[in-house]
Amino acid sequence: MLILEDIRKAFGAKPVLQGLGLELAPSGVTCLLGPSGCGKSTLLRIAAGLESPDSGLVHARPEDCAVVFQDPRLLPWLTVGENLRLALPAMLPSREAAAGIEAALAMVELPPALSRAMPRELSGGMAQRVGVARALLRRPRIMLMDEPFAALDAMTRAHLQDMLRTLMRESLCLFVTHDISEAFRVARRICVMKEGSIVRTFEEGDFATAEQRRALKKLIVEQLGIREKGAKDD
């Protein structure tokens, strides 16, 4: 379980998070949705133990979390399999490690032979799947994802969004995005952030149908002031 209580963070004189509280749903993806600069990524880094809050409590152990960033951050001098091996205990026997790597690649719909490839040989979508597989190898209780599909083409992005939703049905995931449509596609819960605070929370039943999604998107854009990705100003 991940619970954040009264989290406050400032960088210099600029407040970024202002008494924010959040408890992840029992399973599935919780999206932090908001414009750039609203504090989403800072909150995720605090949840992961990569950043310390100025005040407040984080009820989660860093070792229970795995983080996936927008850049998969694969070491270019290692093969895919060697990159994945780094996520496993050093003392794990080679046969067990190979089996775990093959299983993780299968979970993200990649063939076992890809373990012999170098990162430069991968497409952006394949590299990001390897990043997700590396996180899964840690068997985390909580997956933390910071706009992991933002740099991908629309078709690859949609496929990985659907893959993630399937993978996280029984697990916890905190997913940062500024894309309203992406939040609808992957989330069971959407927490809308603005200026360092969560201003509204929507459950899956609030955006289950196309009609509900249209109405909610309009509310988010018009009343909460969060622009849809790619939208032009009037």
Protein backbone atom coordinates (compact mmCIF):
# COMPACT_ATOMS: atom_id res chain seq x y z
CA MET A 1 0.00 0.00 0.00
CA LEU A 2 1.14 3.53 -0.75
CA ILE A 3 -0.16 6.35 1.43
CA LEU A 4 1.11 9.94 1.32
CA GLU A 5 0.10 12.26 4.16
CA ASP A 6 0.32 16.07 4.11
CA ILE A 7 3.28 16.15 1.71
CA ARG A 8 4.90 19.54 1.33
CA LYS A 9 7.83 20.40 -0.90
CA ALA A 10 9.39 23.64 -2.07
CA PHE A 11 12.36 24.39 -4.26
CA GLY A 12 13.80 27.59 -2.88
CA ALA A 13 10.96 30.04 -2.36
CA LYS A 14 8.69 28.22 -4.81
CA PRO A 15 6.16 25.81 -3.23
CA VAL A 16 5.64 22.71 -5.37
CA LEU A 17 3.49 20.44 -3.16
CA GLN A 18 1.14 21.98 -0.63
CA GLY A 19 -0.13 19.57 2.00
CA LEU A 20 -0.98 16.86 -0.51
CA GLY A 21 -2.50 13.56 0.58
CA LEU A 22 -2.98 10.42 -1.51
CA GLU A 23 -3.81 6.76 -0.95
CA LEU A 24 -3.49 4.35 -3.84
CA ALA A 25 -6.47 2.23 -4.78
CA PRO A 26 -6.23 -1.46 -3.69
CA SER A 27 -5.24 -2.48 -7.24
CA GLY A 28 -4.97 -1.12 -10.75
CA VAL A 29 -3.62 2.16 -12.06
CA THR A 30 -4.08 5.49 -10.28
CA CYS A 31 -3.29 8.39 -12.61
CA LEU A 32 -1.91 11.73 -11.50
CA LEU A 33 -3.25 14.01 -14.21
CA GLY A 34 -2.21 17.61 -14.52
CA PRO A 35 -0.28 20.20 -16.53
CA SER A 36 3.50 20.39 -16.60
CA GLY A 37 4.85 22.03 -13.45
CA CYS A 38 1.97 21.10 -11.16
CA GLY A 39 4.11 18.77 -9.02
CA LYS A 40 3.21 15.35 -10.44
CA SER A 41 6.74 14.12 -11.05
CA THR A 42 7.99 15.55 -7.75
CA LEU A 43 5.29 13.64 -5.91
CA LEU A 44 6.19 10.42 -7.72
CA ARG A 45 9.88 10.88 -6.89
CA ILE A 46 8.97 11.39 -3.23
CA ALA A 47 6.87 8.23 -3.29
CA ALA A 48 9.85 6.35 -4.76
CA GLY A 49 12.26 7.63 -2.13
CA LEU A 50 14.26 9.55 -4.75
CA GLU A 51 13.31 12.91 -3.25
CA SER A 52 12.66 13.89 0.36
CA PRO A 53 9.59 15.94 1.31
CA ASP A 54 10.03 19.04 3.42
CA SER A 55 7.31 17.65 5.67
CA GLY A 56 4.71 14.91 5.67
CA LEU A 57 4.77 11.12 5.75
CA VAL A 58 5.27 8.45 3.09
CA HIS A 59 3.88 5.04 4.02
CA ALA A 60 5.78 2.83 1.58
CA ARG A 61 9.24 1.32 1.53
CA PRO A 62 11.48 2.31 -1.40
CA GLU A 63 12.46 -1.33 -1.84
CA ASP A 64 8.79 -2.17 -2.53
CA CYS A 65 8.72 0.25 -5.48
CA ALA A 66 9.96 0.09 -9.06
CA VAL A 67 10.16 3.20 -11.22
CA VAL A 68 9.74 3.57 -14.99
CA PHE A 69 10.66 6.93 -16.50
CA GLN A 70 9.95 8.42 -19.93
CA ASP A 71 13.47 7.41 -20.97
CA PRO A 72 14.01 3.64 -20.46
CA ARG A 73 17.63 4.36 -19.38
CA LEU A 74 19.16 1.17 -20.75
CA LEU A 75 22.95 0.92 -20.50
CA PRO A 76 24.08 1.07 -24.16
CA TRP A 77 27.15 -1.17 -23.69
CA LEU A 78 25.09 -4.08 -22.31
CA THR A 79 22.69 -6.38 -24.14
CA VAL A 80 18.99 -6.32 -23.32
CA GLY A 81 19.43 -9.46 -21.22
CA GLU A 82 22.37 -7.96 -19.35
CA ASN A 83 20.37 -4.80 -18.65
CA LEU A 84 17.54 -6.92 -17.28
CA ARG A 85 19.95 -9.05 -15.23
CA LEU A 86 20.87 -5.94 -13.22
CA ALA A 87 17.36 -5.95 -11.73
CA LEU A 88 17.86 -9.42 -10.24
CA PRO A 89 19.87 -10.42 -7.15
CA ALA A 90 23.56 -10.86 -7.99
CA MET A 91 23.68 -14.30 -6.35
CA LEU A 92 20.72 -15.70 -8.30
CA PRO A 93 21.83 -18.76 -10.34
CA SER A 94 22.23 -18.09 -14.06
CA ARG A 95 19.52 -20.57 -15.07
CA GLU A 96 16.96 -18.97 -12.75
CA ALA A 97 17.96 -15.50 -13.93
CA ALA A 98 17.55 -16.51 -17.59
CA ALA A 99 14.10 -17.97 -16.86
CA GLY A 100 13.06 -14.80 -15.05
CA ILE A 101 14.27 -12.60 -17.90
CA GLU A 102 12.42 -14.69 -20.46
CA ALA A 103 9.22 -14.52 -18.38
CA ALA A 104 9.51 -10.74 -17.98
CA LEU A 105 10.02 -10.27 -21.73
CA ALA A 106 6.97 -12.43 -22.38
CA MET A 107 4.88 -10.28 -20.03
CA VAL A 108 5.61 -7.24 -22.20
CA GLU A 109 5.11 -9.25 -25.41
CA LEU A 110 8.76 -9.45 -26.48
CA PRO A 111 10.48 -12.65 -27.74
CA PRO A 112 13.25 -14.36 -25.72
CA ALA A 113 15.75 -13.82 -28.57
CA LEU A 114 15.58 -10.07 -27.91
CA SER A 115 17.71 -10.59 -24.80
CA ARG A 116 20.75 -10.83 -27.12
CA ALA A 117 20.05 -7.49 -28.83
CA MET A 118 21.83 -4.23 -28.02
CA PRO A 119 19.72 -1.21 -26.96
CA ARG A 120 20.64 0.67 -30.17
CA GLU A 121 18.87 -2.04 -32.17
CA LEU A 122 15.52 -1.44 -30.47
CA SER A 123 12.70 0.84 -31.54
CA GLY A 124 11.43 3.34 -28.98
CA GLY A 125 8.45 1.14 -28.15
CA MET A 126 10.60 -1.96 -27.72
CA ALA A 127 13.08 -0.10 -25.50
CA GLN A 128 10.27 1.15 -23.29
CA ARG A 129 8.86 -2.37 -22.99
CA VAL A 130 12.29 -3.52 -21.85
CA GLY A 131 12.19 -0.76 -19.23
CA VAL A 132 8.84 -2.04 -17.99
CA ALA A 133 10.16 -5.64 -18.00
CA ARG A 134 13.13 -4.54 -15.89
CA ALA A 135 10.79 -3.00 -13.35
CA LEU A 136 8.60 -6.13 -13.31
CA LEU A 137 11.65 -8.32 -12.62
CA ARG A 138 11.93 -6.68 -9.22
CA ARG A 139 8.45 -8.00 -8.42
CA PRO A 140 7.48 -4.64 -6.94
CA ARG A 141 4.46 -4.17 -4.76
CA ILE A 142 4.10 -0.70 -6.26
CA MET A 143 4.90 0.40 -9.80
CA LEU A 144 5.66 4.11 -10.25
CA MET A 145 5.58 5.42 -13.83
CA ASP A 146 6.45 8.96 -14.93
CA GLU A 147 4.96 9.60 -18.40
CA PRO A 148 6.53 6.36 -19.68
CA PHE A 149 4.87 6.44 -23.11
CA ALA A 150 4.99 10.17 -23.87
CA ALA A 151 7.73 9.94 -26.52
CA LEU A 152 6.14 7.10 -28.52
CA ASP A 153 4.02 7.18 -31.65
CA ALA A 154 0.25 7.01 -31.17
CA MET A 155 -0.21 3.37 -32.23
CA THR A 156 2.64 2.03 -30.06
CA ARG A 157 1.50 4.18 -27.19
CA ALA A 158 -2.06 2.85 -27.32
CA HIS A 159 -0.82 -0.74 -27.40
CA LEU A 160 1.45 -0.23 -24.38
CA GLN A 161 -1.33 1.55 -22.49
CA ASP A 162 -3.58 -1.48 -22.96
CA MET A 163 -0.71 -3.80 -21.98
CA LEU A 164 -0.11 -1.84 -18.79
CA ARG A 165 -3.77 -1.88 -17.78
CA THR A 166 -3.77 -5.68 -18.16
CA LEU A 167 -0.51 -6.13 -16.24
CA MET A 168 -1.67 -3.94 -13.35
CA ARG A 169 -5.10 -5.51 -12.76
CA GLU A 170 -3.94 -7.08 -9.50
CA SER A 171 -1.05 -4.72 -8.68
CA LEU A 172 -0.66 -1.11 -7.58
CA CYS A 173 0.54 1.52 -10.04
CA LEU A 174 0.90 5.28 -9.76
CA PHE A 175 1.04 6.71 -13.29
CA VAL A 176 1.92 10.34 -14.08
CA THR A 177 0.47 11.90 -17.24
CA HIS A 178 -0.67 15.24 -18.65
CA ASP A 179 -2.78 13.48 -21.30
CA ILE A 180 -6.49 13.23 -20.45
CA SER A 181 -7.18 10.49 -23.00
CA GLU A 182 -4.27 8.41 -21.69
CA ALA A 183 -5.63 8.69 -18.16
CA PHE A 184 -9.03 7.44 -19.34
CA ARG A 185 -7.38 4.50 -21.10
CA VAL A 186 -5.17 3.17 -18.30
CA ALA A 187 -6.68 4.28 -14.99
CA ARG A 188 -9.07 2.91 -12.43
CA ARG A 189 -8.78 6.21 -10.57
CA ILE A 190 -7.79 9.68 -11.79
CA CYS A 191 -6.44 12.29 -9.37
CA VAL A 192 -6.38 15.73 -10.98
CA MET A 193 -3.50 17.91 -9.79
CA LYS A 194 -3.23 21.65 -10.01
CA GLU A 195 -0.63 23.93 -8.42
CA GLY A 196 0.69 21.32 -6.01
CA SER A 197 -2.62 19.93 -4.79
CA ILE A 198 -5.08 17.22 -5.78
CA VAL A 199 -8.24 19.17 -6.63
CA ARG A 200 -10.56 16.35 -7.78
CA THR A 201 -10.60 12.56 -7.80
CA PHE A 202 -12.62 10.42 -10.23
CA GLU A 203 -13.25 6.68 -9.95
CA GLU A 204 -13.53 4.26 -12.87
CA GLY A 205 -17.32 4.43 -12.86
CA ASP A 206 -17.11 8.16 -13.58
CA PHE A 207 -15.52 7.57 -17.01
CA ALA A 208 -16.73 4.11 -18.02
CA THR A 209 -18.72 5.16 -21.11
CA ALA A 210 -17.91 7.36 -24.08
CA GLU A 211 -20.58 9.85 -22.98
CA GLN A 212 -19.11 10.04 -19.47
CA ARG A 213 -15.60 10.51 -20.88
CA ARG A 214 -16.74 13.39 -23.10
CA ALA A 215 -18.47 15.11 -20.18
CA LEU A 216 -15.55 14.55 -17.81
CA LYS A 217 -13.00 15.77 -20.36
CA LYS A 218 -15.06 18.95 -20.78
CA LEU A 219 -15.16 19.44 -17.00
CA ILE A 220 -11.42 18.90 -16.64
CA VAL A 221 -10.60 21.33 -19.44
CA GLU A 222 -13.16 24.04 -18.71
CA GLN A 223 -13.59 23.99 -14.93
CA LEU A 224 -10.24 22.66 -13.72
CA GLY A 225 -8.20 24.48 -16.33
CA ILE A 226 -6.23 21.48 -17.59
CA ARG A 227 -5.78 21.49 -21.33
CA GLU A 228 -6.12 18.31 -23.35
CA LYS A 229 -2.81 17.20 -24.85
CA GLY A 230 -2.28 18.83 -28.24
CA ALA A 231 -5.21 21.23 -27.82
CA LYS A 232 -4.76 24.76 -29.15
CA ASP A 233 -5.61 27.83 -27.15
CA ASP A 234 -8.71 29.68 -28.33
